[in-house]
């Protein structure tokens, strides 16, 4: 007997009919003799609808109350799935995040898991029950918290690690991890395997198939992950430490993300550390950072943030103007980030140069650049994003990934 954690996203549980299909997938593992813990998201667009209702009341609703509101979505799903499994003659128990022992830091809207008390789940499993857990949520002291959008992935992998599961399967509406989003690039191909590091970069850079924190947990605990379809009985993409396939692919994936804004600060009189300390204390995530100095030794600084965080970022900067000591701030919105990722880039110089050349030939201006050993990110105009992705996908021969996988 093994122990499996399965996670089903919102599209996989979007209707009662789809929940019945999820029950089929759960029982396939049960009938193989496995102990099964199932983590689910809210049904379909439930979370989006709840957010819309909240914003009809306030454009910036209280974060604590938003957590109270949004966690109701997953509670609907766990109840319905548990009922369906009960109707089929199997003992189950549905648990909210806090009932499942998921403890987090005291941050509303984007909390990190700090600990998981697995006693209640272990007891249920020992009694032969299927455990159905609400993803995306936890508790800090007496307060309900949420893990940020996509946080159900994190719940699943963290539970798999805490329960010493054999593996964690992430079921979604696609058959695996693709070279880029197949909804926008016709030639996108599924990869058989991706390394933890590559997947972490892709997730952080906008690939929506897995939440970055979920990949972090998987890497830290060496938890085997498989991203697979909830509808099609086909193999998915294995996330592992070392990739055994597609060694000929220098670039293995292209991620992209819209709604990016560049914030530029001019005439800085002091060091920049206080800027990012203040932003971090307000939980504003900063991405690409560029610093420059004029001949007159005047410093300017640019960095990118999600457009939804601009208002809060500017409020933080304005409130700290006296201590930071700067002259002016400018913003540029309607930007997007396009990134190439691949562990093969470490030993193949010139990849960044090729990326810049491809974008230049298409007349796409690069506004910001960030690099690491296995990725190059560029900020471009949002209306040029998909053109950039398509051109890079073709230039790095990613449409041939399927053929390479079969060698």
Protein backbone atom coordinates (compact mmCIF):
# COMPACT_ATOMS: atom_id res chain seq x y z
CA UNK A 1 0.00 0.00 0.00
CA UNK A 2 1.29 3.42 -0.97
CA UNK A 3 0.24 6.93 -0.06
CA UNK A 4 -0.74 9.37 -2.81
CA UNK A 5 -1.71 13.04 -2.75
CA UNK A 6 -3.87 14.18 -5.66
CA UNK A 7 -4.66 17.81 -6.43
CA UNK A 8 -7.50 18.93 -8.72
CA UNK A 9 -7.74 22.52 -9.90
CA UNK A 10 -10.77 24.70 -10.45
CA UNK A 11 -11.40 23.65 -14.05
CA UNK A 12 -11.26 19.98 -13.04
CA UNK A 13 -14.03 20.47 -10.44
CA UNK A 14 -16.00 23.12 -12.31
CA UNK A 15 -19.33 21.27 -12.24
CA UNK A 16 -21.01 18.36 -10.49
CA UNK A 17 -20.35 16.25 -13.57
CA UNK A 18 -16.66 17.08 -13.39
CA UNK A 19 -16.62 16.31 -9.66
CA UNK A 20 -17.97 12.85 -10.54
CA UNK A 21 -15.03 12.46 -12.94
CA UNK A 22 -12.64 13.49 -10.15
CA UNK A 23 -14.19 10.81 -7.97
CA UNK A 24 -13.37 8.28 -10.71
CA UNK A 25 -9.72 9.36 -10.67
CA UNK A 26 -9.57 9.19 -6.88
CA UNK A 27 -11.05 5.70 -6.80
CA UNK A 28 -8.58 4.49 -9.41
CA UNK A 29 -5.82 5.08 -6.83
CA UNK A 30 -7.90 3.65 -3.98
CA UNK A 31 -8.56 0.49 -5.98
CA UNK A 32 -4.81 0.11 -6.49
CA UNK A 33 -4.55 -0.20 -2.72
CA UNK A 34 -3.28 3.31 -2.03
CA UNK A 35 -4.13 5.65 0.82
CA UNK A 36 -5.38 8.82 -0.85
CA UNK A 37 -5.46 12.46 0.23
CA UNK A 38 -7.24 14.73 -2.26
CA UNK A 39 -6.67 18.49 -2.37
CA UNK A 40 -9.16 20.59 -4.35
CA UNK A 41 -9.63 24.16 -5.47
CA UNK A 42 -12.85 26.15 -5.69
CA UNK A 43 -15.19 25.18 -8.53
CA UNK A 44 -14.48 26.84 -11.87
CA UNK A 45 -14.63 30.64 -11.64
CA UNK A 46 -16.03 30.70 -8.09
CA UNK A 47 -13.07 32.62 -6.67
CA UNK A 48 -13.21 35.19 -9.47
CA UNK A 49 -16.94 35.72 -8.87
CA UNK A 50 -16.35 36.21 -5.14
CA UNK A 51 -13.63 38.77 -5.87
CA UNK A 52 -15.97 40.61 -8.24
CA UNK A 53 -18.69 40.80 -5.60
CA UNK A 54 -16.23 42.11 -3.02
CA UNK A 55 -15.04 44.82 -5.42
CA UNK A 56 -18.61 45.92 -6.02
CA UNK A 57 -18.53 46.91 -2.37
CA UNK A 58 -14.95 48.23 -2.20
CA UNK A 59 -12.18 48.63 -4.79
CA UNK A 60 -9.69 47.62 -2.08
CA UNK A 61 -11.54 45.30 0.32
CA UNK A 62 -10.15 44.47 3.74
CA UNK A 63 -7.69 41.58 3.36
CA UNK A 64 -8.86 39.69 6.43
CA UNK A 65 -12.45 39.77 5.22
CA UNK A 66 -11.33 38.70 1.75
CA UNK A 67 -9.78 35.58 3.28
CA UNK A 68 -13.03 34.88 5.10
CA UNK A 69 -14.91 35.24 1.81
CA UNK A 70 -12.61 33.39 -0.58
CA UNK A 71 -12.12 30.30 1.57
CA UNK A 72 -15.81 29.47 1.20
CA UNK A 73 -15.16 28.41 -2.40
CA UNK A 74 -13.04 25.38 -1.52
CA UNK A 75 -15.47 24.34 1.21
CA UNK A 76 -18.18 23.85 -1.42
CA UNK A 77 -15.90 21.57 -3.45
CA UNK A 78 -14.70 19.38 -0.58
CA UNK A 79 -18.26 18.80 0.58
CA UNK A 80 -19.56 17.83 -2.86
CA UNK A 81 -16.64 15.53 -3.64
CA UNK A 82 -16.91 13.87 -0.24
CA UNK A 83 -20.66 13.34 -0.81
CA UNK A 84 -20.01 11.77 -4.21
CA UNK A 85 -17.44 9.35 -2.79
CA UNK A 86 -19.81 8.50 0.07
CA UNK A 87 -22.58 7.73 -2.43
CA UNK A 88 -20.24 5.20 -4.04
CA UNK A 89 -19.78 3.40 -0.75
CA UNK A 90 -16.43 4.82 0.40
CA UNK A 91 -15.75 6.39 3.78
CA UNK A 92 -14.47 9.94 3.45
CA UNK A 93 -13.90 13.04 5.52
CA UNK A 94 -13.71 16.58 4.18
CA UNK A 95 -11.43 19.03 5.96
CA UNK A 96 -10.86 22.75 5.61
CA UNK A 97 -7.26 23.92 5.63
CA UNK A 98 -7.34 24.69 9.33
CA UNK A 99 -9.07 21.40 10.17
CA UNK A 100 -6.31 19.66 8.22
CA UNK A 101 -3.70 21.33 10.44
CA UNK A 102 -2.23 23.77 7.89
CA UNK A 103 -0.57 26.58 9.88
CA UNK A 104 0.69 29.72 8.15
CA UNK A 105 2.35 33.02 8.87
CA UNK A 106 -0.04 35.82 9.83
CA UNK A 107 -0.35 37.43 6.39
CA UNK A 108 -3.76 37.76 4.80
CA UNK A 109 -4.03 37.05 1.10
CA UNK A 110 -0.57 35.60 0.50
CA UNK A 111 0.54 33.61 3.55
CA UNK A 112 3.28 30.99 3.61
CA UNK A 113 2.85 27.61 5.27
CA UNK A 114 4.92 27.34 8.45
CA UNK A 115 3.86 23.93 9.75
CA UNK A 116 1.36 21.12 9.19
CA UNK A 117 -0.09 19.08 12.03
CA UNK A 118 -0.99 15.84 10.27
CA UNK A 119 -2.54 14.01 13.25
CA UNK A 120 -6.14 14.32 12.08
CA UNK A 121 -5.32 13.23 8.53
CA UNK A 122 -3.17 10.33 9.75
CA UNK A 123 -5.99 9.15 12.00
CA UNK A 124 -8.50 9.26 9.15
CA UNK A 125 -6.17 7.37 6.82
CA UNK A 126 -5.55 4.71 9.47
CA UNK A 127 -9.33 4.16 9.56
CA UNK A 128 -9.38 3.56 5.82
CA UNK A 129 -10.96 6.91 4.92
CA UNK A 130 -10.32 9.03 1.84
CA UNK A 131 -9.34 12.51 3.07
CA UNK A 132 -10.54 15.50 1.01
CA UNK A 133 -8.76 18.75 1.91
CA UNK A 134 -9.54 22.33 0.91
CA UNK A 135 -6.50 23.81 -0.81
CA UNK A 136 -5.38 27.45 -0.71
CA UNK A 137 -6.14 27.99 2.98
CA UNK A 138 -4.77 27.66 6.49
CA UNK A 139 -4.82 29.26 9.91
CA UNK A 140 -2.61 31.60 11.91
CA UNK A 141 -3.63 31.71 15.55
CA UNK A 142 -7.39 32.27 15.46
CA UNK A 143 -7.36 33.80 11.97
CA UNK A 144 -8.17 32.13 8.65
CA UNK A 145 -5.52 32.83 6.00
CA UNK A 146 -5.07 32.13 2.30
CA UNK A 147 -1.93 31.21 0.36
CA UNK A 148 -2.42 33.41 -2.71
CA UNK A 149 -3.86 32.51 -6.08
CA UNK A 150 -2.79 29.02 -7.10
CA UNK A 151 -2.11 28.16 -3.48
CA UNK A 152 -3.88 24.79 -3.72
CA UNK A 153 -0.79 23.47 -5.48
CA UNK A 154 1.25 24.49 -2.46
CA UNK A 155 -1.21 22.83 -0.08
CA UNK A 156 -0.96 19.58 -2.01
CA UNK A 157 2.83 19.41 -2.19
CA UNK A 158 3.27 20.52 1.42
CA UNK A 159 0.82 17.83 2.57
CA UNK A 160 2.59 15.22 0.44
CA UNK A 161 5.88 16.11 2.11
CA UNK A 162 4.41 16.20 5.63
CA UNK A 163 2.66 12.85 5.11
CA UNK A 164 5.72 11.20 3.51
CA UNK A 165 3.66 10.40 0.42
CA UNK A 166 5.17 8.46 -2.45
CA UNK A 167 4.20 11.12 -4.97
CA UNK A 168 1.97 14.10 -5.64
CA UNK A 169 -0.12 14.26 -8.81
CA UNK A 170 -1.29 17.68 -9.98
CA UNK A 171 -4.38 17.24 -12.19
CA UNK A 172 -5.29 20.11 -14.47
CA UNK A 173 -6.96 20.90 -17.79
CA UNK A 174 -3.76 20.32 -19.78
CA UNK A 175 -1.83 17.08 -20.25
CA UNK A 176 1.43 18.38 -18.77
CA UNK A 177 4.02 21.17 -18.90
CA UNK A 178 4.43 22.64 -22.36
CA UNK A 179 7.25 24.54 -24.02
CA UNK A 180 4.92 27.54 -23.76
CA UNK A 181 1.18 28.12 -23.35
CA UNK A 182 -0.50 26.03 -26.10
CA UNK A 183 -3.55 28.30 -26.02
CA UNK A 184 -1.47 31.04 -27.62
CA UNK A 185 1.29 29.25 -29.55
CA UNK A 186 0.15 26.58 -31.96
CA UNK A 187 3.49 24.78 -32.01
CA UNK A 188 3.78 24.38 -28.23
CA UNK A 189 4.75 20.84 -27.21
CA UNK A 190 4.43 18.84 -24.03
CA UNK A 191 7.68 17.93 -22.28
CA UNK A 192 8.14 14.51 -20.70
CA UNK A 193 10.17 15.93 -17.83
CA UNK A 194 11.37 19.24 -16.38
CA UNK A 195 13.85 19.84 -13.58
CA UNK A 196 12.75 21.45 -10.32
CA UNK A 197 14.92 24.49 -11.08
CA UNK A 198 13.53 24.93 -14.58
CA UNK A 199 9.96 24.52 -13.36
CA UNK A 200 10.56 27.00 -10.54
CA UNK A 201 11.80 29.59 -13.01
CA UNK A 202 8.88 28.95 -15.37
CA UNK A 203 6.37 29.18 -12.52
CA UNK A 204 7.88 32.39 -11.16
CA UNK A 205 7.96 33.90 -14.62
CA UNK A 206 4.29 33.46 -15.38
CA UNK A 207 3.69 29.83 -16.42
CA UNK A 208 0.39 29.16 -14.67
CA UNK A 209 0.53 25.36 -14.62
CA UNK A 210 2.15 25.20 -11.16
CA UNK A 211 2.43 27.60 -8.23
CA UNK A 212 6.08 28.60 -7.48
CA UNK A 213 5.84 27.73 -3.79
CA UNK A 214 4.61 24.26 -4.69
CA UNK A 215 7.75 23.72 -6.76
CA UNK A 216 9.89 25.05 -3.89
CA UNK A 217 8.34 22.52 -1.51
CA UNK A 218 8.83 19.72 -4.03
CA UNK A 219 12.49 20.58 -4.55
CA UNK A 220 13.24 21.04 -0.84
CA UNK A 221 11.67 17.70 0.07
CA UNK A 222 12.54 15.90 -3.19
CA UNK A 223 8.86 15.12 -3.66
CA UNK A 224 8.11 13.56 -7.07
CA UNK A 225 5.51 15.60 -8.96
CA UNK A 226 3.53 14.76 -12.06
CA UNK A 227 1.43 17.35 -13.88
CA UNK A 228 -1.29 15.47 -15.75
CA UNK A 229 -4.75 15.78 -17.27
CA UNK A 230 -7.83 15.20 -15.16
CA UNK A 231 -9.78 14.06 -18.25
CA UNK A 232 -7.34 12.14 -20.45
CA UNK A 233 -5.67 8.92 -19.25
CA UNK A 234 -2.22 9.82 -20.60
CA UNK A 235 1.16 10.31 -18.97
CA UNK A 236 1.97 13.85 -17.91
CA UNK A 237 5.16 15.77 -17.20
CA UNK A 238 7.44 14.59 -14.40
CA UNK A 239 9.05 17.30 -12.27
CA UNK A 240 12.32 15.88 -10.96
CA UNK A 241 15.83 16.83 -9.87
CA UNK A 242 17.66 15.68 -12.98
CA UNK A 243 16.07 15.63 -16.40
CA UNK A 244 16.84 12.55 -18.47
CA UNK A 245 15.08 13.64 -21.65
CA UNK A 246 15.41 16.46 -24.19
CA UNK A 247 19.11 17.05 -23.48
CA UNK A 248 19.43 18.70 -26.89
CA UNK A 249 17.12 21.53 -25.86
CA UNK A 250 19.17 24.51 -24.66
CA UNK A 251 15.98 26.50 -24.07
CA UNK A 252 13.20 24.26 -22.75
CA UNK A 253 10.38 26.69 -22.18
CA UNK A 254 9.09 30.22 -22.67
CA UNK A 255 7.02 31.92 -19.99
CA UNK A 256 5.18 35.20 -20.28
CA UNK A 257 3.16 37.47 -18.05
CA UNK A 258 1.19 40.61 -18.80
CA UNK A 259 0.08 43.52 -16.58
CA UNK A 260 3.60 44.60 -15.63
CA UNK A 261 4.49 48.17 -14.63
CA UNK A 262 7.93 49.76 -14.46
CA UNK A 263 8.49 52.19 -11.60
CA UNK A 264 11.45 54.57 -12.00
CA UNK A 265 12.87 56.67 -9.17
CA UNK A 266 15.14 59.60 -10.08
CA UNK A 267 17.53 61.72 -8.03
CA UNK A 268 18.19 59.22 -5.25
CA UNK A 269 20.35 60.72 -2.51
CA UNK A 270 20.77 57.64 -0.32
CA UNK A 271 21.28 53.90 -0.72
CA UNK A 272 18.56 51.78 -2.28
CA UNK A 273 18.24 49.15 0.45
CA UNK A 274 15.69 51.19 2.40
CA UNK A 275 13.40 51.23 -0.66
CA UNK A 276 13.16 47.48 -0.92
CA UNK A 277 12.96 47.03 2.83
CA UNK A 278 9.90 49.30 2.92
CA UNK A 279 8.28 47.52 -0.03
CA UNK A 280 8.97 44.09 1.46
CA UNK A 281 7.40 45.10 4.77
CA UNK A 282 4.24 45.95 2.84
CA UNK A 283 4.43 42.61 0.96
CA UNK A 284 4.95 44.27 -2.43
CA UNK A 285 6.87 41.88 -4.67
CA UNK A 286 9.55 43.53 -6.79
CA UNK A 287 10.94 41.77 -9.84
CA UNK A 288 13.51 43.13 -12.31
CA UNK A 289 15.77 45.85 -10.84
CA UNK A 290 18.06 48.23 -12.76
CA UNK A 291 20.28 50.87 -11.12
CA UNK A 292 22.24 53.56 -12.96
CA UNK A 293 24.41 56.56 -12.08
CA UNK A 294 24.99 59.76 -14.03
CA UNK A 295 28.27 61.59 -14.47
CA UNK A 296 27.10 63.89 -11.68
CA UNK A 297 26.91 60.83 -9.37
CA UNK A 298 23.15 61.01 -9.27
CA UNK A 299 21.49 57.62 -8.88
CA UNK A 300 18.30 56.44 -10.55
CA UNK A 301 16.51 53.15 -10.03
CA UNK A 302 13.92 51.20 -12.00
CA UNK A 303 12.08 48.06 -11.00
CA UNK A 304 9.05 46.13 -12.17
CA UNK A 305 5.95 45.14 -10.20
CA UNK A 306 2.58 43.63 -10.99
CA UNK A 307 0.26 46.42 -12.17
CA UNK A 308 -2.17 45.52 -9.40
CA UNK A 309 0.52 46.38 -6.82
CA UNK A 310 1.40 49.81 -8.24
CA UNK A 311 -0.96 51.82 -6.03
CA UNK A 312 0.40 50.22 -2.86
CA UNK A 313 4.00 50.54 -4.05
CA UNK A 314 3.59 54.26 -4.74
CA UNK A 315 1.93 54.81 -1.37
CA UNK A 316 4.91 53.12 0.33
CA UNK A 317 7.45 55.19 -1.62
CA UNK A 318 5.62 58.45 -0.99
CA UNK A 319 5.31 57.74 2.73
CA UNK A 320 9.08 57.09 2.92
CA UNK A 321 10.19 59.96 0.69
CA UNK A 322 11.91 61.82 3.50
CA UNK A 323 14.03 58.84 4.54
CA UNK A 324 14.71 57.60 1.00
CA UNK A 325 15.37 61.10 -0.38
CA UNK A 326 14.50 61.09 -4.07
CA UNK A 327 13.33 63.76 -6.51
CA UNK A 328 10.68 62.21 -8.77
CA UNK A 329 8.91 58.96 -9.58
CA UNK A 330 7.63 57.88 -12.98
CA UNK A 331 5.61 54.80 -13.96
CA UNK A 332 5.12 53.00 -17.26
CA UNK A 333 2.30 50.46 -17.53
CA UNK A 334 0.97 48.21 -20.31
CA UNK A 335 4.16 46.14 -20.21
CA UNK A 336 4.76 42.40 -20.21
CA UNK A 337 7.56 40.03 -19.27
CA UNK A 338 8.80 37.38 -21.70
CA UNK A 339 11.35 34.84 -20.47
CA UNK A 340 13.33 31.93 -21.88
CA UNK A 341 14.28 29.10 -19.48
CA UNK A 342 16.61 26.13 -19.80
CA UNK A 343 19.34 24.44 -17.78
CA UNK A 344 21.28 24.01 -21.02
CA UNK A 345 21.91 27.76 -21.05
CA UNK A 346 24.60 27.33 -18.37
CA UNK A 347 27.00 25.68 -20.80
CA UNK A 348 25.91 27.45 -23.99
CA UNK A 349 27.02 31.10 -24.21
CA UNK A 350 25.29 33.42 -26.62
CA UNK A 351 21.70 32.44 -25.83
CA UNK A 352 20.83 35.91 -24.49
CA UNK A 353 22.40 37.53 -27.55
CA UNK A 354 20.29 35.34 -29.81
CA UNK A 355 17.15 36.26 -27.87
CA UNK A 356 17.90 39.99 -28.21
CA UNK A 357 18.63 39.58 -31.93
CA UNK A 358 15.32 37.78 -32.54
CA UNK A 359 13.36 40.52 -30.76
CA UNK A 360 15.29 43.25 -32.58
CA UNK A 361 14.50 41.70 -35.96
CA UNK A 362 10.81 41.83 -35.05
CA UNK A 363 11.10 45.48 -34.06
CA UNK A 364 10.30 44.68 -30.41
CA UNK A 365 12.01 47.08 -28.01
CA UNK A 366 13.46 45.67 -24.78
CA UNK A 367 12.79 47.92 -21.81
CA UNK A 368 14.35 45.86 -18.98
CA UNK A 369 16.47 42.70 -18.73
CA UNK A 370 17.15 40.20 -15.96
CA UNK A 371 19.28 37.06 -16.16
CA UNK A 372 20.24 34.01 -14.11
CA UNK A 373 22.15 30.85 -14.97
CA UNK A 374 19.10 29.25 -16.53
CA UNK A 375 16.86 32.12 -17.66
CA UNK A 376 16.75 35.45 -19.45
CA UNK A 377 13.77 37.75 -18.86
CA UNK A 378 12.88 40.81 -20.90
CA UNK A 379 10.21 43.45 -20.39
CA UNK A 380 8.48 44.51 -23.59
CA UNK A 381 5.32 46.36 -24.59
CA UNK A 382 2.26 44.31 -23.68
CA UNK A 383 0.84 44.46 -27.21
CA UNK A 384 4.07 42.83 -28.47
CA UNK A 385 4.08 40.01 -25.90
CA UNK A 386 2.57 37.19 -27.96
CA UNK A 387 4.54 38.16 -31.06
CA UNK A 388 7.72 37.94 -28.98
CA UNK A 389 6.76 34.55 -27.56
CA UNK A 390 5.97 33.11 -30.99
CA UNK A 391 9.20 34.40 -32.52
CA UNK A 392 11.35 33.01 -29.69
CA UNK A 393 9.53 29.67 -29.70
CA UNK A 394 10.35 29.30 -33.39
CA UNK A 395 13.93 30.61 -33.10
CA UNK A 396 14.85 28.10 -30.39
CA UNK A 397 13.19 25.17 -32.24
CA UNK A 398 10.78 24.40 -29.41
CA UNK A 399 8.15 23.15 -31.83
CA UNK A 400 10.53 20.23 -32.46
CA UNK A 401 10.53 19.22 -28.77
CA UNK A 402 8.19 16.28 -29.40
CA UNK A 403 10.56 14.81 -31.96
CA UNK A 404 13.53 15.25 -29.63
CA UNK A 405 11.65 13.52 -26.79
CA UNK A 406 11.22 10.41 -28.90
CA UNK A 407 14.95 9.95 -29.57
